[in-house]
Protein backbone atom coordinates (compact mmCIF):
# COMPACT_ATOMS: atom_id res chain seq x y z
CA MET A 1 15.32 9.34 -21.16
CA GLN A 2 16.57 6.74 -18.70
CA ILE A 3 15.01 4.76 -15.86
CA GLU A 4 17.27 3.62 -13.04
CA PHE A 5 15.93 1.06 -10.58
CA VAL A 6 16.69 1.88 -6.95
CA ASN A 7 14.56 -0.37 -4.70
CA HIS A 8 11.03 -1.78 -4.39
CA ALA A 9 8.78 0.95 -5.90
CA SER A 10 11.55 3.51 -6.27
CA VAL A 11 12.98 4.42 -9.67
CA LEU A 12 14.87 7.47 -10.91
CA MET A 13 13.64 8.79 -14.27
CA THR A 14 15.96 11.28 -15.93
CA HIS A 15 15.76 13.45 -19.04
CA GLY A 16 17.81 16.55 -19.63
CA GLN A 17 18.02 18.53 -16.38
CA VAL A 18 15.13 16.70 -14.70
CA ALA A 19 15.64 13.71 -12.40
CA LEU A 20 12.38 12.41 -10.92
CA LEU A 21 12.61 9.93 -8.04
CA SER A 22 9.58 7.88 -6.95
CA ASP A 23 8.55 6.46 -3.56
CA PRO A 24 11.86 6.34 -1.65
CA TRP A 25 11.71 3.63 1.03
CA TYR A 26 15.20 2.25 1.48
CA ASN A 27 15.65 1.07 5.08
CA GLY A 28 13.81 -0.34 8.06
CA PRO A 29 10.54 -2.25 8.47
CA ALA A 30 7.10 -1.09 7.37
CA PHE A 31 3.49 -1.76 8.39
CA HIS A 32 4.14 -2.18 12.11
CA LYS A 33 6.99 -4.69 11.91
CA GLY A 34 5.15 -6.56 9.16
CA TRP A 35 7.33 -6.02 6.08
CA ARG A 36 10.99 -5.78 5.20
CA LEU A 37 12.71 -4.88 1.97
CA LEU A 38 14.39 -7.83 0.31
CA VAL A 39 17.54 -5.71 0.28
CA GLU A 40 18.23 -2.33 1.88
CA THR A 41 19.91 0.58 0.12
CA PRO A 42 23.22 1.74 1.68
CA ASP A 43 23.58 5.35 2.85
CA ASP A 44 26.39 6.14 0.39
CA ARG A 45 24.17 5.00 -2.46
CA ILE A 46 21.28 7.18 -1.20
CA ARG A 47 23.58 10.18 -0.83
CA GLU A 48 24.89 9.79 -4.38
CA LEU A 49 21.36 9.31 -5.67
CA LEU A 50 20.04 12.48 -4.02
CA SER A 51 22.93 14.46 -5.48
CA ARG A 52 21.27 13.94 -8.87
CA VAL A 53 17.57 14.22 -7.93
CA THR A 54 15.49 17.31 -8.78
CA HIS A 55 12.00 16.03 -7.89
CA ILE A 56 10.52 13.31 -5.64
CA TRP A 57 7.03 11.93 -6.27
CA ILE A 58 5.18 10.12 -3.49
CA SER A 59 2.36 7.97 -4.84
CA HIS A 60 0.40 7.45 -1.61
CA GLU A 61 0.64 7.36 2.17
CA HIS A 62 1.47 3.69 2.73
CA PRO A 63 4.88 3.43 4.44
CA ASP A 64 6.49 1.40 1.64
CA HIS A 65 5.89 4.46 -0.57
CA PHE A 66 5.87 7.35 1.89
CA SER A 67 8.67 6.58 4.33
CA VAL A 68 8.72 9.08 7.20
CA GLY A 69 12.12 7.71 8.23
CA PHE A 70 13.60 8.57 4.83
CA PHE A 71 12.44 12.18 4.96
CA LYS A 72 13.65 12.57 8.56
CA ARG A 73 17.05 11.01 7.79
CA TRP A 74 17.67 12.84 4.51
CA GLY A 75 15.65 16.02 5.06
CA ASP A 76 18.67 18.35 5.32
CA MET A 77 20.06 17.22 1.97
CA ILE A 78 16.64 17.43 0.29
CA ARG A 79 16.13 20.99 1.56
CA GLN A 80 19.68 22.14 0.82
CA ARG A 81 19.52 20.90 -2.74
CA GLY A 82 16.09 22.44 -3.30
CA ILE A 83 14.57 19.12 -4.33
CA LYS A 84 10.86 19.59 -5.06
CA LEU A 85 8.29 17.12 -3.70
CA LEU A 86 5.13 16.04 -5.51
CA PHE A 87 2.05 14.48 -3.89
CA GLN A 88 -1.61 14.05 -4.83
CA ASP A 89 -3.99 16.89 -3.93
CA ILE A 90 -6.50 15.21 -1.61
CA ASP A 91 -8.72 16.14 1.33
CA ASP A 92 -6.67 14.03 3.73
CA GLN A 93 -3.82 16.44 4.47
CA ARG A 94 -1.75 14.32 6.86
CA VAL A 95 1.09 13.70 4.39
CA ALA A 96 1.04 17.28 3.11
CA TYR A 97 1.04 18.70 6.65
CA PHE A 98 4.03 16.58 7.58
CA LEU A 99 6.03 17.54 4.49
CA ARG A 100 5.31 21.25 4.90
CA ALA A 101 6.11 21.14 8.61
CA GLU A 102 9.49 19.65 7.67
CA GLY A 103 10.13 22.63 5.41
CA PHE A 104 10.00 20.84 2.07
CA ASP A 105 9.02 22.47 -1.22
CA LEU A 106 5.74 20.62 -1.90
CA THR A 107 3.45 20.76 -4.91
CA GLU A 108 0.09 19.02 -4.54
CA LEU A 109 -0.90 17.63 -7.94
CA THR A 110 -4.47 18.21 -9.07
CA PHE A 111 -5.75 15.01 -10.66
CA GLY A 112 -5.79 15.16 -14.45
CA LYS A 113 -3.74 18.34 -14.69
CA SER A 114 -0.40 18.37 -16.52
CA TYR A 115 2.59 19.92 -14.71
CA GLU A 116 5.82 20.95 -16.44
CA LEU A 117 8.91 19.89 -14.51
CA GLY A 118 11.42 21.13 -17.06
CA LYS A 119 12.18 21.19 -20.75
CA ASP A 120 10.25 18.37 -22.47
CA VAL A 121 9.23 16.82 -19.12
CA SER A 122 5.67 16.84 -17.79
CA VAL A 123 3.68 14.76 -15.32
CA THR A 124 -0.02 14.05 -14.79
CA CYS A 125 -1.33 12.39 -11.63
CA PHE A 126 -4.57 10.44 -11.43
CA LYS A 127 -6.43 8.80 -8.54
CA ASP A 128 -7.14 5.12 -7.99
CA GLU A 129 -9.53 3.72 -5.36
CA PHE A 130 -8.85 4.63 -1.70
CA TYR A 131 -5.30 5.88 -1.36
CA ASP A 132 -3.32 5.13 -4.48
CA SER A 133 -2.38 7.44 -7.30
CA ALA A 134 -0.50 6.85 -10.55
CA LEU A 135 1.80 9.14 -12.50
CA SER A 136 1.97 9.64 -16.23
CA VAL A 137 5.45 10.94 -17.08
CA ARG A 138 6.31 12.33 -20.50
CA MET A 139 10.03 12.73 -21.07
CA GLY A 140 10.94 13.81 -24.56
CA ASP A 141 9.30 11.35 -26.94
CA THR A 142 8.79 8.68 -24.26
CA HIS A 143 5.65 8.17 -22.16
CA VAL A 144 6.24 6.29 -18.90
CA LEU A 145 3.23 5.21 -16.82
CA ASN A 146 3.95 4.41 -13.17
CA LEU A 147 0.96 2.48 -11.79
CA ASN A 148 2.77 1.23 -8.65
CA ASP A 149 -0.03 -0.30 -6.48
CA CYS A 150 -3.01 0.95 -8.49
CA ALA A 151 -5.75 -1.65 -8.83
CA VAL A 152 -6.15 -1.60 -12.61
CA ARG A 153 -7.62 -5.09 -12.80
CA THR A 154 -10.40 -4.86 -15.40
CA ILE A 155 -10.60 -3.91 -19.05
CA ALA A 156 -13.05 -1.15 -18.18
CA ARG A 157 -10.71 0.39 -15.60
CA ALA A 158 -7.71 0.10 -17.94
CA GLU A 159 -9.72 1.88 -20.64
CA GLU A 160 -10.47 4.69 -18.17
CA VAL A 161 -6.74 5.07 -17.60
CA ARG A 162 -6.10 5.07 -21.34
CA ALA A 163 -8.77 7.72 -21.86
CA ALA A 164 -7.09 9.86 -19.20
CA VAL A 165 -3.44 9.61 -20.27
CA GLY A 166 -3.29 7.58 -23.50
CA THR A 167 -1.16 4.55 -24.30
CA CYS A 168 2.37 4.33 -22.96
CA ASP A 169 5.83 3.26 -24.05
CA ILE A 170 6.96 1.93 -20.66
CA LEU A 171 4.69 0.55 -17.90
CA LEU A 172 5.82 0.12 -14.31
CA THR A 173 3.44 -2.04 -12.28
CA GLN A 174 3.15 -4.20 -9.15
CA PHE A 175 3.60 -7.95 -9.67
CA SER A 176 2.60 -9.69 -6.42
CA TYR A 177 0.02 -9.46 -3.63
CA ALA A 178 0.74 -7.26 -0.64
CA ALA A 179 -1.78 -7.88 2.16
CA TRP A 180 -3.38 -10.51 4.41
CA LYS A 181 -4.91 -13.37 2.45
CA GLY A 182 -7.04 -15.36 4.81
CA GLY A 183 -4.91 -17.22 7.32
CA ARG A 184 -2.33 -20.00 7.28
CA GLU A 185 -4.62 -22.64 5.81
CA ASN A 186 -5.88 -20.45 2.99
CA ARG A 187 -3.03 -20.92 0.51
CA ASP A 188 -5.60 -21.21 -2.29
CA TRP A 189 -6.48 -17.56 -1.77
CA ARG A 190 -2.82 -16.53 -1.93
CA GLU A 191 -2.27 -18.53 -5.10
CA ALA A 192 -5.34 -16.90 -6.63
CA ALA A 193 -4.11 -13.46 -5.52
CA ALA A 194 -0.72 -14.09 -7.11
CA GLN A 195 -2.37 -15.16 -10.36
CA GLU A 196 -4.63 -12.11 -10.25
CA LYS A 197 -1.56 -9.84 -10.23
CA LEU A 198 -0.30 -11.52 -13.39
CA ASN A 199 -3.75 -11.21 -14.95
CA ASN A 200 -3.72 -7.50 -14.06
CA ILE A 201 -0.46 -7.01 -15.94
CA LYS A 202 -1.96 -8.79 -18.95
CA ILE A 203 -5.04 -6.52 -18.92
CA GLN A 204 -2.98 -3.37 -18.41
CA ALA A 205 -0.67 -4.27 -21.29
CA GLU A 206 -3.50 -5.18 -23.65
CA VAL A 207 -5.19 -1.81 -23.21
CA LEU A 208 -2.24 0.53 -22.58
CA GLU A 209 -0.03 -1.09 -25.25
CA PRO A 210 3.42 -0.58 -23.69
CA LYS A 211 6.51 -1.61 -25.60
CA THR A 212 8.17 -2.51 -22.29
CA VAL A 213 6.79 -3.61 -18.91
CA ILE A 214 8.90 -3.23 -15.76
CA PRO A 215 7.57 -5.34 -12.85
CA PHE A 216 8.34 -3.65 -9.53
CA ALA A 217 6.77 -2.50 -6.21
CA SER A 218 6.79 -6.07 -4.86
CA PHE A 219 10.39 -6.56 -3.72
CA VAL A 220 9.44 -7.14 -0.07
CA SER A 221 8.78 -10.01 2.29
CA PHE A 222 6.32 -10.57 5.10
CA ALA A 223 8.91 -10.55 7.87
CA HIS A 224 7.16 -11.19 11.20
CA GLU A 225 6.86 -14.53 12.95
CA ARG A 226 3.07 -14.14 12.68
CA ASN A 227 2.87 -13.41 8.94
CA ALA A 228 5.90 -15.04 7.27
CA TYR A 229 3.62 -17.82 5.98
CA LEU A 230 2.11 -15.23 3.61
CA ASN A 231 5.26 -15.49 1.46
CA ASP A 232 4.39 -19.03 0.41
CA ALA A 233 2.63 -18.15 -2.86
CA ALA A 234 4.04 -14.70 -3.65
CA ASN A 235 5.17 -14.10 -7.22
CA ARG A 236 8.87 -13.81 -7.95
CA PRO A 237 10.38 -12.16 -11.05
CA GLU A 238 10.82 -15.55 -12.72
CA ASP A 239 7.08 -16.16 -12.38
CA VAL A 240 6.40 -12.93 -14.26
CA ILE A 241 8.87 -13.85 -17.00
CA GLU A 242 7.33 -17.31 -17.42
CA ALA A 243 3.82 -15.83 -17.61
CA PHE A 244 4.75 -13.49 -20.46
CA LEU A 245 7.16 -15.48 -22.61
CA GLU A 246 4.91 -14.98 -25.65
CA ALA A 247 3.78 -11.45 -24.81
CA PRO A 248 3.90 -8.71 -27.47
CA PHE A 249 5.96 -6.49 -25.15
CA ASP A 250 9.45 -6.72 -23.67
CA LEU A 251 9.66 -7.59 -19.98
CA CYS A 252 12.45 -5.74 -18.18
CA VAL A 253 13.36 -7.18 -14.76
CA MET A 254 15.69 -4.85 -12.87
CA GLN A 255 17.96 -5.08 -9.85
CA PRO A 256 19.34 -2.10 -7.91
CA GLY A 257 21.53 0.05 -10.14
CA ASP A 258 20.17 -1.28 -13.44
CA VAL A 259 19.42 1.42 -16.03
CA THR A 260 17.21 1.17 -19.11
CA ASP A 261 15.83 3.40 -21.84
CA GLY A 262 13.10 0.83 -22.42
CA ARG A 263 15.30 -1.72 -24.10
CA VAL A 264 16.38 -4.93 -22.35
CA ARG A 265 20.10 -5.69 -22.43
CA PRO A 266 21.15 -9.25 -23.30
CA GLY A 267 21.38 -11.28 -20.10
CA GLN A 268 19.84 -8.52 -17.96
CA ASN A 269 16.73 -10.46 -16.96
CA ALA A 270 18.67 -13.61 -16.09
CA ALA A 271 21.09 -11.63 -13.93
CA ALA A 272 18.25 -9.82 -12.15
CA VAL A 273 16.34 -13.07 -11.52
CA ALA A 274 19.45 -14.66 -10.00
CA TYR A 275 20.05 -11.59 -7.84
CA TRP A 276 16.51 -11.50 -6.48
CA ALA A 277 16.42 -15.27 -5.94
CA ALA A 278 19.28 -14.91 -3.49
CA GLN A 279 17.42 -12.13 -1.66
CA TYR A 280 14.19 -14.15 -1.45
CA ASP A 281 16.08 -17.14 -0.09
CA ARG A 282 17.42 -15.00 2.78
CA ALA A 283 14.06 -13.33 3.52
CA GLY A 284 12.89 -15.86 6.14
CA GLN A 285 15.77 -15.18 8.50
CA ASP A 286 15.57 -13.07 11.69
CA LEU A 287 11.80 -12.62 11.81
CA MET A 288 10.41 -9.74 13.87
CA THR A 289 8.34 -10.18 17.04
CA TYR A 290 5.99 -8.15 19.27
CA ASP A 291 6.18 -7.24 22.96
CA THR A 292 3.18 -7.68 25.26
CA VAL A 293 1.28 -4.49 26.11
CA ASP A 294 -0.20 -4.26 29.59
CA GLU A 295 -3.88 -3.62 30.29
CA ASP A 296 -3.43 -0.06 31.55
CA THR A 297 -1.56 0.96 28.38
CA LEU A 298 -4.19 -0.69 26.22
CA ARG A 299 -7.02 1.14 28.00
CA ALA A 300 -5.19 4.47 27.72
CA SER A 301 -4.68 3.96 23.97
CA PHE A 302 -8.34 3.03 23.56
CA ALA A 303 -9.39 6.22 25.38
CA LYS A 304 -7.45 8.30 22.84
CA TRP A 305 -8.93 6.25 19.96
CA ARG A 306 -12.44 6.87 21.31
CA GLU A 307 -11.71 10.59 21.64
CA ARG A 308 -10.61 10.80 17.98
CA VAL A 309 -13.59 8.76 16.77
CA PHE A 310 -16.12 10.91 18.62
CA ALA A 311 -14.40 14.09 17.43
CA ASN A 312 -14.76 13.05 13.78
CA ASN A 313 -18.18 11.36 13.82
CA SER A 314 -21.62 12.06 15.23
CA ARG A 315 -22.30 9.67 18.11
CA ALA A 316 -26.02 9.85 17.34
CA ALA A 317 -25.36 8.90 13.71
CA MET A 318 -23.08 6.07 14.81
CA ARG A 319 -25.75 4.66 17.14
CA LEU A 320 -28.42 4.99 14.47
CA ALA A 321 -26.19 3.18 11.95
CA GLN A 322 -25.50 0.42 14.48
CA VAL A 323 -29.21 -0.19 14.99
CA ALA A 324 -30.72 0.56 11.58
CA SER A 325 -28.10 0.01 8.88
CA PRO A 326 -28.93 -2.94 6.58
CA ILE A 327 -25.21 -3.75 6.20
CA ARG A 328 -24.68 -4.13 9.97
CA VAL A 329 -22.01 -1.51 10.55
CA LEU A 330 -20.40 -0.49 13.87
CA GLN A 331 -21.45 -3.70 15.61
CA PRO A 332 -19.50 -4.72 18.73
CA VAL A 333 -16.35 -6.65 17.84
CA VAL A 334 -14.51 -9.13 20.05
CA VAL A 335 -10.73 -9.37 19.77
CA HIS A 336 -8.84 -12.17 21.52
CA LEU A 337 -5.24 -11.42 22.51
CA ASP A 338 -3.37 -14.67 22.36
CA ASP A 339 -0.33 -13.40 24.27
CA THR A 340 -2.33 -12.32 27.35
CA GLY A 341 -5.28 -14.72 27.06
CA GLN A 342 -7.75 -11.81 27.33
CA SER A 343 -10.67 -11.09 25.01
CA TRP A 344 -11.94 -7.53 24.59
CA ARG A 345 -15.35 -6.36 23.36
CA ILE A 346 -15.09 -3.09 21.44
CA ASP A 347 -18.29 -1.09 20.88
CA PRO A 348 -17.50 2.07 18.86
CA PRO A 349 -20.84 3.94 19.21
CA ARG A 350 -20.88 3.40 22.97
CA GLY A 351 -17.16 4.03 23.28
CA THR A 352 -16.60 1.00 25.50
CA LEU A 353 -13.80 -1.54 25.86
CA ASP A 354 -14.78 -4.47 28.09
CA LYS A 355 -13.36 -7.86 28.91
CA THR A 356 -15.58 -10.67 27.71
CA ASP A 357 -15.89 -14.43 27.29
CA ASP A 358 -17.90 -14.04 24.06
CA PRO A 359 -16.61 -15.76 20.91
CA ALA A 360 -13.85 -13.72 19.26
CA ASP A 361 -14.00 -12.27 15.77
CA LEU A 362 -10.24 -11.77 15.45
CA THR A 363 -7.17 -13.11 17.22
CA MET A 364 -4.03 -10.98 17.47
CA HIS A 365 -1.20 -9.87 19.74
CA SER A 366 -1.73 -7.12 22.32
CA GLU A 367 0.85 -4.93 20.53
CA SER A 368 -1.25 -5.12 17.36
CA LEU A 369 -4.41 -3.99 19.13
CA ASN A 370 -2.51 -1.22 20.87
CA PHE A 371 -1.12 -0.07 17.50
CA LEU A 372 -4.65 -0.05 16.06
CA PHE A 373 -5.87 2.18 18.90
CA SER A 374 -2.79 4.42 18.73
CA ASN A 375 -2.94 5.29 15.01
CA SER A 376 -5.74 6.52 12.79
CA PHE A 377 -4.42 4.21 10.05
CA GLY A 378 -4.13 1.27 12.47
CA PHE A 379 -6.75 -1.04 10.99
CA ASP A 380 -5.46 -0.45 7.46
CA THR A 381 -1.97 -1.42 8.63
CA LEU A 382 -3.33 -4.55 10.29
CA GLY A 383 -5.04 -5.59 7.07
CA VAL A 384 -1.80 -5.21 5.14
CA ASN A 385 0.68 -6.77 7.56
CA GLY A 386 -1.53 -9.79 8.27
CA THR A 387 -0.28 -10.40 11.82
CA PHE A 388 -3.74 -11.53 12.96
CA GLU A 389 -6.15 -14.36 12.25
CA GLU A 390 -9.89 -14.56 11.79
CA ALA A 391 -11.29 -16.36 14.85
CA ARG A 392 -14.70 -17.23 13.40
CA GLU A 393 -16.48 -17.01 10.07
CA GLY A 394 -17.19 -13.43 9.07
CA GLY A 395 -14.98 -12.05 11.83
CA PHE A 396 -12.77 -9.92 9.59
CA SER A 397 -15.75 -8.46 7.73
CA ARG A 398 -17.45 -7.59 11.02
CA ALA A 399 -14.30 -5.92 12.29
CA ALA A 400 -13.78 -4.02 9.04
CA ARG A 401 -17.32 -2.65 9.24
CA SER A 402 -16.71 -1.47 12.79
CA ILE A 403 -13.24 -0.76 14.13
CA SER A 404 -11.94 0.48 10.76
CA ILE A 405 -13.95 3.68 11.29
CA GLU A 406 -10.83 5.87 11.38
CA ASN A 407 -9.72 4.54 8.01
CA LEU A 408 -13.06 5.68 6.62
CA ASN A 409 -12.59 9.05 8.31
CA ASN A 410 -9.20 9.41 6.61
CA LEU A 411 -10.98 8.93 3.28
CA GLY A 412 -13.43 11.71 4.11
CA ILE A 413 -16.25 9.35 5.14
CA ARG A 414 -17.76 10.41 8.45
CA PHE A 415 -20.86 9.21 10.27
CA GLY A 416 -23.15 12.20 10.10
CA PRO A 417 -25.52 13.99 7.71
CA GLY A 418 -23.13 13.75 4.73
CA LEU A 419 -22.31 10.06 5.06
CA PHE A 420 -23.48 9.03 1.61
CA LEU A 421 -22.11 12.00 -0.32
CA ASN A 422 -19.29 9.77 -1.59
CA PRO A 423 -21.13 6.63 -2.78
CA LYS A 424 -18.26 5.48 -5.01
CA ILE A 425 -15.82 5.10 -2.11
CA VAL A 426 -18.48 3.47 0.07
CA GLY A 427 -19.23 1.07 -2.78
CA ILE A 428 -15.56 0.13 -3.24
CA PHE A 429 -15.23 -0.50 0.49
CA LEU A 430 -18.27 -2.79 0.57
CA ASP A 431 -17.16 -4.59 -2.59
CA ARG A 432 -13.79 -5.32 -0.97
CA LEU A 433 -15.52 -6.77 2.08
CA ARG A 434 -17.73 -8.98 -0.09
CA GLY A 435 -14.61 -10.31 -1.81
CA VAL A 436 -12.93 -11.12 1.49
CA SER A 437 -16.06 -12.83 2.83
CA ALA A 438 -16.37 -14.95 -0.30
CA ARG A 439 -12.76 -16.11 -0.02
CA MET A 440 -13.11 -17.00 3.65
CA LYS A 441 -16.34 -18.93 3.08
CA ARG A 442 -14.66 -20.85 0.26
CA LYS A 443 -11.88 -21.85 2.68
CA THR A 444 -14.41 -23.01 5.27
CA ALA A 445 -16.27 -25.06 2.69
């Protein structure tokens, strides 16, 4: 069994005749011009890689894991070679529909069920929170657990994972934060978020008992002029090494092309740290920008957003929730566009978009608001890329309880008679909002 690091969250695991590639994102920006890879993978390297691949696993729909551009660019080779695709079996079929429409051989993995990929190779997928999934891979006598972005941050959650798939020999896990953390002045939150990622690794390792931990899925930078400040407290590989100098497991830091069977070669970590340091130092160059969107385009995009929202939710239930819900959902939200100077009041139950002089909840660029209206995952992308600011206390929480309605719809939560049939997801969503509110209030204080 060997693990070859490719880029970011992408590794190639091989054993016998099976070569399983994970989360191929190798070129171009992600999250609406918000992220870039620290280093891109050349086409000749991708071509050579795919010549060996038998299976590709996609952990979740986020574009740094499910890259539409990759599957468009390399679709012919994937189909010609008969490479099989693996994705979680979930109600939200957008990823599955796309992959099938492109003519790929797709298997949707039932959570908790073991699938044989070849001789002495099996995989088991399990769900984590909203979108993420993890993959337990057994290759010969080696158990590799790929957690990627999964939020295994407590002993209790780690024990649930252990109960589902057992301990592991090799653990692959995220090592730095990857979303908006409260504005330019809120460095304390970013430092705390960076430390939390290290604490997560500690908890995961204590419970899952890996012999080797491979930190990955964080080799990116916030790469827009509006969010580059978010890099100021992000963990680097050397921070992970320093945090686990006395750990009972080996830490294996990898650069593109490195291969391991779980053992760390002499000098490997030092070489990888030096390689990534050079990439981080170049990350602040050539930041991306947005282009102003005119009012007519914005109104047209909003009309399509309203049409989708009303098609997937009961307007009567939305209005009732706006008036009667104790957690104040679907309230009007004011967004100030700092490139045009306009402020817009968005009222989802009424389906209205009006200019206003009321105090804003959020400040952003007109291209960001247009993106939000144009895509059902728009608010989720905004929360990750961090190209906005909270304009007043509680503004982000108010917006998340209102104009994120399509993100809830994508999770199977719709305003109607069955709204509370999935209390666990609703609870996670509200818990996240409470955490954000607490951090923002701490900054204000």
